[in-house]
Amino acid sequence: RDNAKNTVYLQMNNLKPEDTAVYYCVA
């Protein structure tokens, strides 16, 4: 996260077909 930008990140590596999905940001 970057507090100054009020932003959260998700870095995903070695992606697999089963990672296919709708991704939701939550708080």
mmCIF file of all heavy atoms, coordinates in Angstrom:
data_MODEL
# 
_entry.id   MODEL 
# 
loop_
_atom_site.group_PDB 
_atom_site.id 
_atom_site.type_symbol 
_atom_site.label_atom_id 
_atom_site.label_alt_id 
_atom_site.label_comp_id 
_atom_site.label_asym_id 
_atom_site.label_entity_id 
_atom_site.label_seq_id 
_atom_site.pdbx_PDB_ins_code 
_atom_site.Cartn_x 
_atom_site.Cartn_y 
_atom_site.Cartn_z 
_atom_site.occupancy 
_atom_site.B_iso_or_equiv 
_atom_site.pdbx_formal_charge 
_atom_site.auth_seq_id 
_atom_site.auth_comp_id 
_atom_site.auth_asym_id 
_atom_site.auth_atom_id 
_atom_site.pdbx_PDB_model_num 
ATOM 1   N N   . ARG A 1 1  ? 0.823   -1.203  0.000   1.00 0.00 ? 1  ARG A N   1 
ATOM 2   C CA  . ARG A 1 1  ? 0.000   0.000   0.000   1.00 0.00 ? 1  ARG A CA  1 
ATOM 3   C C   . ARG A 1 1  ? 0.858   1.254   0.000   1.00 0.00 ? 1  ARG A C   1 
ATOM 4   O O   . ARG A 1 1  ? 1.997   1.249   0.464   1.00 0.00 ? 1  ARG A O   1 
ATOM 5   C CB  . ARG A 1 1  ? -0.973  0.027   1.193   1.00 0.00 ? 1  ARG A CB  1 
ATOM 6   C CG  . ARG A 1 1  ? -0.392  0.556   2.514   1.00 0.00 ? 1  ARG A CG  1 
ATOM 7   C CD  . ARG A 1 1  ? 0.369   -0.509  3.250   1.00 0.00 ? 1  ARG A CD  1 
ATOM 8   N NE  . ARG A 1 1  ? 0.688   -0.112  4.619   1.00 0.00 ? 1  ARG A NE  1 
ATOM 9   C CZ  . ARG A 1 1  ? 1.811   0.492   4.987   1.00 0.00 ? 1  ARG A CZ  1 
ATOM 10  N NH1 . ARG A 1 1  ? 2.736   0.781   4.071   1.00 0.00 ? 1  ARG A NH1 1 
ATOM 11  N NH2 . ARG A 1 1  ? 2.020   0.790   6.253   1.00 0.00 ? 1  ARG A NH2 1 
ATOM 12  N N   . ASP A 1 2  ? 0.292   2.319   -0.528  1.00 0.00 ? 2  ASP A N   1 
ATOM 13  C CA  . ASP A 1 2  ? 0.907   3.634   -0.534  1.00 0.00 ? 2  ASP A CA  1 
ATOM 14  C C   . ASP A 1 2  ? -0.057  4.565   0.183   1.00 0.00 ? 2  ASP A C   1 
ATOM 15  O O   . ASP A 1 2  ? -1.063  4.980   -0.384  1.00 0.00 ? 2  ASP A O   1 
ATOM 16  C CB  . ASP A 1 2  ? 1.171   4.106   -1.964  1.00 0.00 ? 2  ASP A CB  1 
ATOM 17  C CG  . ASP A 1 2  ? 1.952   5.407   -2.016  1.00 0.00 ? 2  ASP A CG  1 
ATOM 18  O OD1 . ASP A 1 2  ? 1.840   6.223   -1.093  1.00 0.00 ? 2  ASP A OD1 1 
ATOM 19  O OD2 . ASP A 1 2  ? 2.679   5.609   -3.004  1.00 0.00 ? 2  ASP A OD2 1 
ATOM 20  N N   . ASN A 1 3  ? 0.241   4.880   1.433   1.00 0.00 ? 3  ASN A N   1 
ATOM 21  C CA  . ASN A 1 3  ? -0.666  5.684   2.236   1.00 0.00 ? 3  ASN A CA  1 
ATOM 22  C C   . ASN A 1 3  ? -0.900  7.076   1.645   1.00 0.00 ? 3  ASN A C   1 
ATOM 23  O O   . ASN A 1 3  ? -2.010  7.601   1.690   1.00 0.00 ? 3  ASN A O   1 
ATOM 24  C CB  . ASN A 1 3  ? -0.124  5.823   3.664   1.00 0.00 ? 3  ASN A CB  1 
ATOM 25  C CG  . ASN A 1 3  ? -0.180  4.520   4.433   1.00 0.00 ? 3  ASN A CG  1 
ATOM 26  O OD1 . ASN A 1 3  ? -0.298  3.439   3.855   1.00 0.00 ? 3  ASN A OD1 1 
ATOM 27  N ND2 . ASN A 1 3  ? -0.091  4.622   5.759   1.00 0.00 ? 3  ASN A ND2 1 
ATOM 28  N N   . ALA A 1 4  ? 0.148   7.668   1.099   1.00 0.00 ? 4  ALA A N   1 
ATOM 29  C CA  . ALA A 1 4  ? 0.037   9.006   0.538   1.00 0.00 ? 4  ALA A CA  1 
ATOM 30  C C   . ALA A 1 4  ? -0.921  9.046   -0.641  1.00 0.00 ? 4  ALA A C   1 
ATOM 31  O O   . ALA A 1 4  ? -1.584  10.060  -0.876  1.00 0.00 ? 4  ALA A O   1 
ATOM 32  C CB  . ALA A 1 4  ? 1.407   9.528   0.125   1.00 0.00 ? 4  ALA A CB  1 
ATOM 33  N N   . LYS A 1 5  ? -0.993  7.959   -1.386  1.00 0.00 ? 5  LYS A N   1 
ATOM 34  C CA  . LYS A 1 5  ? -1.860  7.892   -2.560  1.00 0.00 ? 5  LYS A CA  1 
ATOM 35  C C   . LYS A 1 5  ? -3.189  7.202   -2.273  1.00 0.00 ? 5  LYS A C   1 
ATOM 36  O O   . LYS A 1 5  ? -4.018  7.073   -3.178  1.00 0.00 ? 5  LYS A O   1 
ATOM 37  C CB  . LYS A 1 5  ? -1.150  7.167   -3.697  1.00 0.00 ? 5  LYS A CB  1 
ATOM 38  C CG  . LYS A 1 5  ? 0.098   7.871   -4.202  1.00 0.00 ? 5  LYS A CG  1 
ATOM 39  C CD  . LYS A 1 5  ? 0.728   7.096   -5.355  1.00 0.00 ? 5  LYS A CD  1 
ATOM 40  C CE  . LYS A 1 5  ? 1.954   7.807   -5.886  1.00 0.00 ? 5  LYS A CE  1 
ATOM 41  N NZ  . LYS A 1 5  ? 2.584   7.060   -7.010  1.00 0.00 ? 5  LYS A NZ  1 
ATOM 42  N N   . ASN A 1 6  ? -3.390  6.747   -1.029  1.00 0.00 ? 6  ASN A N   1 
ATOM 43  C CA  . ASN A 1 6  ? -4.596  5.999   -0.674  1.00 0.00 ? 6  ASN A CA  1 
ATOM 44  C C   . ASN A 1 6  ? -4.840  4.853   -1.651  1.00 0.00 ? 6  ASN A C   1 
ATOM 45  O O   . ASN A 1 6  ? -5.955  4.661   -2.142  1.00 0.00 ? 6  ASN A O   1 
ATOM 46  C CB  . ASN A 1 6  ? -5.810  6.923   -0.621  1.00 0.00 ? 6  ASN A CB  1 
ATOM 47  C CG  . ASN A 1 6  ? -5.823  7.811   0.603   1.00 0.00 ? 6  ASN A CG  1 
ATOM 48  O OD1 . ASN A 1 6  ? -5.110  7.573   1.579   1.00 0.00 ? 6  ASN A OD1 1 
ATOM 49  N ND2 . ASN A 1 6  ? -6.645  8.849   0.572   1.00 0.00 ? 6  ASN A ND2 1 
ATOM 50  N N   . THR A 1 7  ? -3.796  4.113   -1.912  1.00 0.00 ? 7  THR A N   1 
ATOM 51  C CA  . THR A 1 7  ? -3.851  3.072   -2.924  1.00 0.00 ? 7  THR A CA  1 
ATOM 52  C C   . THR A 1 7  ? -3.248  1.772   -2.397  1.00 0.00 ? 7  THR A C   1 
ATOM 53  O O   . THR A 1 7  ? -2.230  1.789   -1.702  1.00 0.00 ? 7  THR A O   1 
ATOM 54  C CB  . THR A 1 7  ? -3.110  3.499   -4.195  1.00 0.00 ? 7  THR A CB  1 
ATOM 55  O OG1 . THR A 1 7  ? -3.701  4.697   -4.708  1.00 0.00 ? 7  THR A OG1 1 
ATOM 56  C CG2 . THR A 1 7  ? -3.177  2.418   -5.260  1.00 0.00 ? 7  THR A CG2 1 
ATOM 57  N N   . VAL A 1 8  ? -3.889  0.664   -2.740  1.00 0.00 ? 8  VAL A N   1 
ATOM 58  C CA  . VAL A 1 8  ? -3.373  -0.658  -2.413  1.00 0.00 ? 8  VAL A CA  1 
ATOM 59  C C   . VAL A 1 8  ? -3.085  -1.395  -3.710  1.00 0.00 ? 8  VAL A C   1 
ATOM 60  O O   . VAL A 1 8  ? -3.777  -1.194  -4.720  1.00 0.00 ? 8  VAL A O   1 
ATOM 61  C CB  . VAL A 1 8  ? -4.367  -1.442  -1.527  1.00 0.00 ? 8  VAL A CB  1 
ATOM 62  C CG1 . VAL A 1 8  ? -5.664  -1.727  -2.276  1.00 0.00 ? 8  VAL A CG1 1 
ATOM 63  C CG2 . VAL A 1 8  ? -3.743  -2.739  -1.040  1.00 0.00 ? 8  VAL A CG2 1 
ATOM 64  N N   . TYR A 1 9  ? -2.066  -2.253  -3.693  1.00 0.00 ? 9  TYR A N   1 
ATOM 65  C CA  . TYR A 1 9  ? -1.637  -2.970  -4.881  1.00 0.00 ? 9  TYR A CA  1 
ATOM 66  C C   . TYR A 1 9  ? -1.628  -4.468  -4.624  1.00 0.00 ? 9  TYR A C   1 
ATOM 67  O O   . TYR A 1 9  ? -1.434  -4.926  -3.507  1.00 0.00 ? 9  TYR A O   1 
ATOM 68  C CB  . TYR A 1 9  ? -0.233  -2.542  -5.301  1.00 0.00 ? 9  TYR A CB  1 
ATOM 69  C CG  . TYR A 1 9  ? -0.074  -1.052  -5.502  1.00 0.00 ? 9  TYR A CG  1 
ATOM 70  C CD1 . TYR A 1 9  ? 0.297   -0.231  -4.447  1.00 0.00 ? 9  TYR A CD1 1 
ATOM 71  C CD2 . TYR A 1 9  ? -0.298  -0.475  -6.748  1.00 0.00 ? 9  TYR A CD2 1 
ATOM 72  C CE1 . TYR A 1 9  ? 0.436   1.137   -4.623  1.00 0.00 ? 9  TYR A CE1 1 
ATOM 73  C CE2 . TYR A 1 9  ? -0.156  0.881   -6.934  1.00 0.00 ? 9  TYR A CE2 1 
ATOM 74  C CZ  . TYR A 1 9  ? 0.214   1.688   -5.872  1.00 0.00 ? 9  TYR A CZ  1 
ATOM 75  O OH  . TYR A 1 9  ? 0.350   3.041   -6.057  1.00 0.00 ? 9  TYR A OH  1 
ATOM 76  N N   . LEU A 1 10 ? -1.821  -5.217  -5.692  1.00 0.00 ? 10 LEU A N   1 
ATOM 77  C CA  . LEU A 1 10 ? -1.685  -6.667  -5.635  1.00 0.00 ? 10 LEU A CA  1 
ATOM 78  C C   . LEU A 1 10 ? -0.817  -7.103  -6.806  1.00 0.00 ? 10 LEU A C   1 
ATOM 79  O O   . LEU A 1 10 ? -1.235  -7.014  -7.959  1.00 0.00 ? 10 LEU A O   1 
ATOM 80  C CB  . LEU A 1 10 ? -3.036  -7.372  -5.693  1.00 0.00 ? 10 LEU A CB  1 
ATOM 81  C CG  . LEU A 1 10 ? -2.978  -8.905  -5.628  1.00 0.00 ? 10 LEU A CG  1 
ATOM 82  C CD1 . LEU A 1 10 ? -2.471  -9.360  -4.258  1.00 0.00 ? 10 LEU A CD1 1 
ATOM 83  C CD2 . LEU A 1 10 ? -4.349  -9.518  -5.916  1.00 0.00 ? 10 LEU A CD2 1 
ATOM 84  N N   . GLN A 1 11 ? 0.387   -7.554  -6.496  1.00 0.00 ? 11 GLN A N   1 
ATOM 85  C CA  . GLN A 1 11 ? 1.298   -8.088  -7.501  1.00 0.00 ? 11 GLN A CA  1 
ATOM 86  C C   . GLN A 1 11 ? 1.129   -9.600  -7.533  1.00 0.00 ? 11 GLN A C   1 
ATOM 87  O O   . GLN A 1 11 ? 1.335   -10.273 -6.527  1.00 0.00 ? 11 GLN A O   1 
ATOM 88  C CB  . GLN A 1 11 ? 2.743   -7.714  -7.169  1.00 0.00 ? 11 GLN A CB  1 
ATOM 89  C CG  . GLN A 1 11 ? 3.785   -8.315  -8.097  1.00 0.00 ? 11 GLN A CG  1 
ATOM 90  C CD  . GLN A 1 11 ? 3.753   -7.723  -9.488  1.00 0.00 ? 11 GLN A CD  1 
ATOM 91  O OE1 . GLN A 1 11 ? 3.613   -6.510  -9.643  1.00 0.00 ? 11 GLN A OE1 1 
ATOM 92  N NE2 . GLN A 1 11 ? 3.868   -8.558  -10.501 1.00 0.00 ? 11 GLN A NE2 1 
ATOM 93  N N   . MET A 1 12 ? 0.758   -10.138 -8.683  1.00 0.00 ? 12 MET A N   1 
ATOM 94  C CA  . MET A 1 12 ? 0.560   -11.562 -8.844  1.00 0.00 ? 12 MET A CA  1 
ATOM 95  C C   . MET A 1 12 ? 1.558   -12.107 -9.847  1.00 0.00 ? 12 MET A C   1 
ATOM 96  O O   . MET A 1 12 ? 1.675   -11.585 -10.961 1.00 0.00 ? 12 MET A O   1 
ATOM 97  C CB  . MET A 1 12 ? -0.867  -11.871 -9.292  1.00 0.00 ? 12 MET A CB  1 
ATOM 98  C CG  . MET A 1 12 ? -1.936  -11.408 -8.308  1.00 0.00 ? 12 MET A CG  1 
ATOM 99  S SD  . MET A 1 12 ? -3.617  -11.849 -8.842  1.00 0.00 ? 12 MET A SD  1 
ATOM 100 C CE  . MET A 1 12 ? -3.794  -10.771 -10.261 1.00 0.00 ? 12 MET A CE  1 
ATOM 101 N N   . ASN A 1 13 ? 2.255   -13.154 -9.448  1.00 0.00 ? 13 ASN A N   1 
ATOM 102 C CA  . ASN A 1 13 ? 3.262   -13.775 -10.294 1.00 0.00 ? 13 ASN A CA  1 
ATOM 103 C C   . ASN A 1 13 ? 2.902   -15.229 -10.563 1.00 0.00 ? 13 ASN A C   1 
ATOM 104 O O   . ASN A 1 13 ? 2.103   -15.830 -9.849  1.00 0.00 ? 13 ASN A O   1 
ATOM 105 C CB  . ASN A 1 13 ? 4.637   -13.696 -9.635  1.00 0.00 ? 13 ASN A CB  1 
ATOM 106 C CG  . ASN A 1 13 ? 5.058   -12.287 -9.329  1.00 0.00 ? 13 ASN A CG  1 
ATOM 107 O OD1 . ASN A 1 13 ? 4.940   -11.391 -10.160 1.00 0.00 ? 13 ASN A OD1 1 
ATOM 108 N ND2 . ASN A 1 13 ? 5.579   -12.073 -8.113  1.00 0.00 ? 13 ASN A ND2 1 
ATOM 109 N N   . ASN A 1 14 ? 3.529   -15.782 -11.593 1.00 0.00 ? 14 ASN A N   1 
ATOM 110 C CA  . ASN A 1 14 ? 3.302   -17.178 -11.959 1.00 0.00 ? 14 ASN A CA  1 
ATOM 111 C C   . ASN A 1 14 ? 1.808   -17.493 -12.017 1.00 0.00 ? 14 ASN A C   1 
ATOM 112 O O   . ASN A 1 14 ? 1.320   -18.447 -11.405 1.00 0.00 ? 14 ASN A O   1 
ATOM 113 C CB  . ASN A 1 14 ? 4.003   -18.109 -10.968 1.00 0.00 ? 14 ASN A CB  1 
ATOM 114 C CG  . ASN A 1 14 ? 4.048   -19.549 -11.441 1.00 0.00 ? 14 ASN A CG  1 
ATOM 115 O OD1 . ASN A 1 14 ? 3.982   -19.830 -12.637 1.00 0.00 ? 14 ASN A OD1 1 
ATOM 116 N ND2 . ASN A 1 14 ? 4.150   -20.481 -10.501 1.00 0.00 ? 14 ASN A ND2 1 
ATOM 117 N N   . LEU A 1 15 ? 1.098   -16.694 -12.764 1.00 0.00 ? 15 LEU A N   1 
ATOM 118 C CA  . LEU A 1 15 ? -0.350  -16.848 -12.858 1.00 0.00 ? 15 LEU A CA  1 
ATOM 119 C C   . LEU A 1 15 ? -0.736  -18.171 -13.497 1.00 0.00 ? 15 LEU A C   1 
ATOM 120 O O   . LEU A 1 15 ? -0.060  -18.669 -14.399 1.00 0.00 ? 15 LEU A O   1 
ATOM 121 C CB  . LEU A 1 15 ? -0.948  -15.693 -13.641 1.00 0.00 ? 15 LEU A CB  1 
ATOM 122 C CG  . LEU A 1 15 ? -0.962  -14.354 -12.902 1.00 0.00 ? 15 LEU A CG  1 
ATOM 123 C CD1 . LEU A 1 15 ? -1.217  -13.209 -13.878 1.00 0.00 ? 15 LEU A CD1 1 
ATOM 124 C CD2 . LEU A 1 15 ? -2.018  -14.368 -11.802 1.00 0.00 ? 15 LEU A CD2 1 
ATOM 125 N N   . LYS A 1 16 ? -1.835  -18.734 -13.020 1.00 0.00 ? 16 LYS A N   1 
ATOM 126 C CA  . LYS A 1 16 ? -2.352  -20.000 -13.493 1.00 0.00 ? 16 LYS A CA  1 
ATOM 127 C C   . LYS A 1 16 ? -3.769  -19.806 -14.026 1.00 0.00 ? 16 LYS A C   1 
ATOM 128 O O   . LYS A 1 16 ? -4.448  -18.861 -13.636 1.00 0.00 ? 16 LYS A O   1 
ATOM 129 C CB  . LYS A 1 16 ? -2.363  -21.030 -12.360 1.00 0.00 ? 16 LYS A CB  1 
ATOM 130 C CG  . LYS A 1 16 ? -1.016  -21.219 -11.683 1.00 0.00 ? 16 LYS A CG  1 
ATOM 131 C CD  . LYS A 1 16 ? -1.123  -22.143 -10.480 1.00 0.00 ? 16 LYS A CD  1 
ATOM 132 C CE  . LYS A 1 16 ? 0.216   -22.308 -9.794  1.00 0.00 ? 16 LYS A CE  1 
ATOM 133 N NZ  . LYS A 1 16 ? 0.108   -23.196 -8.604  1.00 0.00 ? 16 LYS A NZ  1 
ATOM 134 N N   . PRO A 1 17 ? -4.217  -20.693 -14.910 1.00 0.00 ? 17 PRO A N   1 
ATOM 135 C CA  . PRO A 1 17 ? -5.589  -20.571 -15.422 1.00 0.00 ? 17 PRO A CA  1 
ATOM 136 C C   . PRO A 1 17 ? -6.636  -20.501 -14.314 1.00 0.00 ? 17 PRO A C   1 
ATOM 137 O O   . PRO A 1 17 ? -7.646  -19.811 -14.474 1.00 0.00 ? 17 PRO A O   1 
ATOM 138 C CB  . PRO A 1 17 ? -5.763  -21.833 -16.268 1.00 0.00 ? 17 PRO A CB  1 
ATOM 139 C CG  . PRO A 1 17 ? -4.386  -22.126 -16.755 1.00 0.00 ? 17 PRO A CG  1 
ATOM 140 C CD  . PRO A 1 17 ? -3.480  -21.772 -15.596 1.00 0.00 ? 17 PRO A CD  1 
ATOM 141 N N   . GLU A 1 18 ? -6.410  -21.183 -13.202 1.00 0.00 ? 18 GLU A N   1 
ATOM 142 C CA  . GLU A 1 18 ? -7.361  -21.150 -12.106 1.00 0.00 ? 18 GLU A CA  1 
ATOM 143 C C   . GLU A 1 18 ? -7.397  -19.810 -11.377 1.00 0.00 ? 18 GLU A C   1 
ATOM 144 O O   . GLU A 1 18 ? -8.248  -19.591 -10.519 1.00 0.00 ? 18 GLU A O   1 
ATOM 145 C CB  . GLU A 1 18 ? -7.091  -22.281 -11.098 1.00 0.00 ? 18 GLU A CB  1 
ATOM 146 C CG  . GLU A 1 18 ? -5.654  -22.330 -10.608 1.00 0.00 ? 18 GLU A CG  1 
ATOM 147 C CD  . GLU A 1 18 ? -4.826  -23.357 -11.359 1.00 0.00 ? 18 GLU A CD  1 
ATOM 148 O OE1 . GLU A 1 18 ? -4.983  -23.455 -12.592 1.00 0.00 ? 18 GLU A OE1 1 
ATOM 149 O OE2 . GLU A 1 18 ? -4.030  -24.065 -10.713 1.00 0.00 ? 18 GLU A OE2 1 
ATOM 150 N N   . ASP A 1 19 ? -6.476  -18.916 -11.702 1.00 0.00 ? 19 ASP A N   1 
ATOM 151 C CA  . ASP A 1 19 ? -6.510  -17.564 -11.156 1.00 0.00 ? 19 ASP A CA  1 
ATOM 152 C C   . ASP A 1 19 ? -7.511  -16.679 -11.891 1.00 0.00 ? 19 ASP A C   1 
ATOM 153 O O   . ASP A 1 19 ? -7.768  -15.551 -11.461 1.00 0.00 ? 19 ASP A O   1 
ATOM 154 C CB  . ASP A 1 19 ? -5.130  -16.912 -11.216 1.00 0.00 ? 19 ASP A CB  1 
ATOM 155 C CG  . ASP A 1 19 ? -4.129  -17.558 -10.272 1.00 0.00 ? 19 ASP A CG  1 
ATOM 156 O OD1 . ASP A 1 19 ? -4.515  -17.896 -9.130  1.00 0.00 ? 19 ASP A OD1 1 
ATOM 157 O OD2 . ASP A 1 19 ? -2.964  -17.723 -10.676 1.00 0.00 ? 19 ASP A OD2 1 
ATOM 158 N N   . THR A 1 20 ? -8.047  -17.168 -12.989 1.00 0.00 ? 20 THR A N   1 
ATOM 159 C CA  . THR A 1 20 ? -9.045  -16.413 -13.737 1.00 0.00 ? 20 THR A CA  1 
ATOM 160 C C   . THR A 1 20 ? -10.250 -16.126 -12.853 1.00 0.00 ? 20 THR A C   1 
ATOM 161 O O   . THR A 1 20 ? -10.872 -17.039 -12.314 1.00 0.00 ? 20 THR A O   1 
ATOM 162 C CB  . THR A 1 20 ? -9.487  -17.186 -14.986 1.00 0.00 ? 20 THR A CB  1 
ATOM 163 O OG1 . THR A 1 20 ? -8.387  -17.322 -15.879 1.00 0.00 ? 20 THR A OG1 1 
ATOM 164 C CG2 . THR A 1 20 ? -10.613 -16.454 -15.699 1.00 0.00 ? 20 THR A CG2 1 
ATOM 165 N N   . ALA A 1 21 ? -10.571 -14.855 -12.699 1.00 0.00 ? 21 ALA A N   1 
ATOM 166 C CA  . ALA A 1 21 ? -11.657 -14.465 -11.815 1.00 0.00 ? 21 ALA A CA  1 
ATOM 167 C C   . ALA A 1 21 ? -11.890 -12.968 -11.915 1.00 0.00 ? 21 ALA A C   1 
ATOM 168 O O   . ALA A 1 21 ? -11.075 -12.231 -12.475 1.00 0.00 ? 21 ALA A O   1 
ATOM 169 C CB  . ALA A 1 21 ? -11.336 -14.835 -10.364 1.00 0.00 ? 21 ALA A CB  1 
ATOM 170 N N   . VAL A 1 22 ? -12.998 -12.541 -11.359 1.00 0.00 ? 22 VAL A N   1 
ATOM 171 C CA  . VAL A 1 22 ? -13.219 -11.126 -11.124 1.00 0.00 ? 22 VAL A CA  1 
ATOM 172 C C   . VAL A 1 22 ? -12.598 -10.794 -9.772  1.00 0.00 ? 22 VAL A C   1 
ATOM 173 O O   . VAL A 1 22 ? -12.920 -11.419 -8.764  1.00 0.00 ? 22 VAL A O   1 
ATOM 174 C CB  . VAL A 1 22 ? -14.715 -10.765 -11.124 1.00 0.00 ? 22 VAL A CB  1 
ATOM 175 C CG1 . VAL A 1 22 ? -14.912 -9.300  -10.744 1.00 0.00 ? 22 VAL A CG1 1 
ATOM 176 C CG2 . VAL A 1 22 ? -15.324 -11.041 -12.492 1.00 0.00 ? 22 VAL A CG2 1 
ATOM 177 N N   . TYR A 1 23 ? -11.702 -9.835  -9.761  1.00 0.00 ? 23 TYR A N   1 
ATOM 178 C CA  . TYR A 1 23 ? -11.010 -9.445  -8.545  1.00 0.00 ? 23 TYR A CA  1 
ATOM 179 C C   . TYR A 1 23 ? -11.638 -8.179  -7.977  1.00 0.00 ? 23 TYR A C   1 
ATOM 180 O O   . TYR A 1 23 ? -11.825 -7.194  -8.689  1.00 0.00 ? 23 TYR A O   1 
ATOM 181 C CB  . TYR A 1 23 ? -9.524  -9.218  -8.820  1.00 0.00 ? 23 TYR A CB  1 
ATOM 182 C CG  . TYR A 1 23 ? -8.758  -10.511 -8.983  1.00 0.00 ? 23 TYR A CG  1 
ATOM 183 C CD1 . TYR A 1 23 ? -8.912  -11.289 -10.121 1.00 0.00 ? 23 TYR A CD1 1 
ATOM 184 C CD2 . TYR A 1 23 ? -7.894  -10.962 -7.987  1.00 0.00 ? 23 TYR A CD2 1 
ATOM 185 C CE1 . TYR A 1 23 ? -8.237  -12.488 -10.265 1.00 0.00 ? 23 TYR A CE1 1 
ATOM 186 C CE2 . TYR A 1 23 ? -7.207  -12.159 -8.126  1.00 0.00 ? 23 TYR A CE2 1 
ATOM 187 C CZ  . TYR A 1 23 ? -7.384  -12.915 -9.263  1.00 0.00 ? 23 TYR A CZ  1 
ATOM 188 O OH  . TYR A 1 23 ? -6.703  -14.101 -9.407  1.00 0.00 ? 23 TYR A OH  1 
ATOM 189 N N   . TYR A 1 24 ? -11.952 -8.223  -6.683  1.00 0.00 ? 24 TYR A N   1 
ATOM 190 C CA  . TYR A 1 24 ? -12.603 -7.118  -6.007  1.00 0.00 ? 24 TYR A CA  1 
ATOM 191 C C   . TYR A 1 24 ? -11.681 -6.496  -4.969  1.00 0.00 ? 24 TYR A C   1 
ATOM 192 O O   . TYR A 1 24 ? -11.100 -7.206  -4.147  1.00 0.00 ? 24 TYR A O   1 
ATOM 193 C CB  . TYR A 1 24 ? -13.873 -7.588  -5.292  1.00 0.00 ? 24 TYR A CB  1 
ATOM 194 C CG  . TYR A 1 24 ? -14.945 -8.131  -6.204  1.00 0.00 ? 24 TYR A CG  1 
ATOM 195 C CD1 . TYR A 1 24 ? -14.981 -9.477  -6.537  1.00 0.00 ? 24 TYR A CD1 1 
ATOM 196 C CD2 . TYR A 1 24 ? -15.928 -7.296  -6.726  1.00 0.00 ? 24 TYR A CD2 1 
ATOM 197 C CE1 . TYR A 1 24 ? -15.965 -9.982  -7.371  1.00 0.00 ? 24 TYR A CE1 1 
ATOM 198 C CE2 . TYR A 1 24 ? -16.918 -7.792  -7.554  1.00 0.00 ? 24 TYR A CE2 1 
ATOM 199 C CZ  . TYR A 1 24 ? -16.929 -9.138  -7.873  1.00 0.00 ? 24 TYR A CZ  1 
ATOM 200 O OH  . TYR A 1 24 ? -17.912 -9.638  -8.691  1.00 0.00 ? 24 TYR A OH  1 
ATOM 201 N N   . CYS A 1 25 ? -11.569 -5.207  -5.009  1.00 0.00 ? 25 CYS A N   1 
ATOM 202 C CA  . CYS A 1 25 ? -10.901 -4.469  -3.950  1.00 0.00 ? 25 CYS A CA  1 
ATOM 203 C C   . CYS A 1 25 ? -11.872 -4.296  -2.789  1.00 0.00 ? 25 CYS A C   1 
ATOM 204 O O   . CYS A 1 25 ? -13.058 -4.011  -2.997  1.00 0.00 ? 25 CYS A O   1 
ATOM 205 C CB  . CYS A 1 25 ? -10.441 -3.113  -4.477  1.00 0.00 ? 25 CYS A CB  1 
ATOM 206 S SG  . CYS A 1 25 ? -9.575  -2.091  -3.268  1.00 0.00 ? 25 CYS A SG  1 
ATOM 207 N N   . VAL A 1 26 ? -11.392 -4.488  -1.571  1.00 0.00 ? 26 VAL A N   1 
ATOM 208 C CA  . VAL A 1 26 ? -12.256 -4.388  -0.394  1.00 0.00 ? 26 VAL A CA  1 
ATOM 209 C C   . VAL A 1 26 ? -11.588 -3.547  0.686   1.00 0.00 ? 26 VAL A C   1 
ATOM 210 O O   . VAL A 1 26 ? -10.365 -3.371  0.699   1.00 0.00 ? 26 VAL A O   1 
ATOM 211 C CB  . VAL A 1 26 ? -12.596 -5.779  0.178   1.00 0.00 ? 26 VAL A CB  1 
ATOM 212 C CG1 . VAL A 1 26 ? -13.370 -6.596  -0.842  1.00 0.00 ? 26 VAL A CG1 1 
ATOM 213 C CG2 . VAL A 1 26 ? -11.330 -6.520  0.608   1.00 0.00 ? 26 VAL A CG2 1 
ATOM 214 N N   . ALA A 1 27 ? -12.402 -3.039  1.601   1.00 0.00 ? 27 ALA A N   1 
ATOM 215 C CA  . ALA A 1 27 ? -11.901 -2.255  2.724   1.00 0.00 ? 27 ALA A CA  1 
ATOM 216 C C   . ALA A 1 27 ? -12.822 -2.427  3.923   1.00 0.00 ? 27 ALA A C   1 
ATOM 217 O O   . ALA A 1 27 ? -14.010 -2.738  3.774   1.00 0.00 ? 27 ALA A O   1 
ATOM 218 C CB  . ALA A 1 27 ? -11.798 -0.777  2.349   1.00 0.00 ? 27 ALA A CB  1 
# 
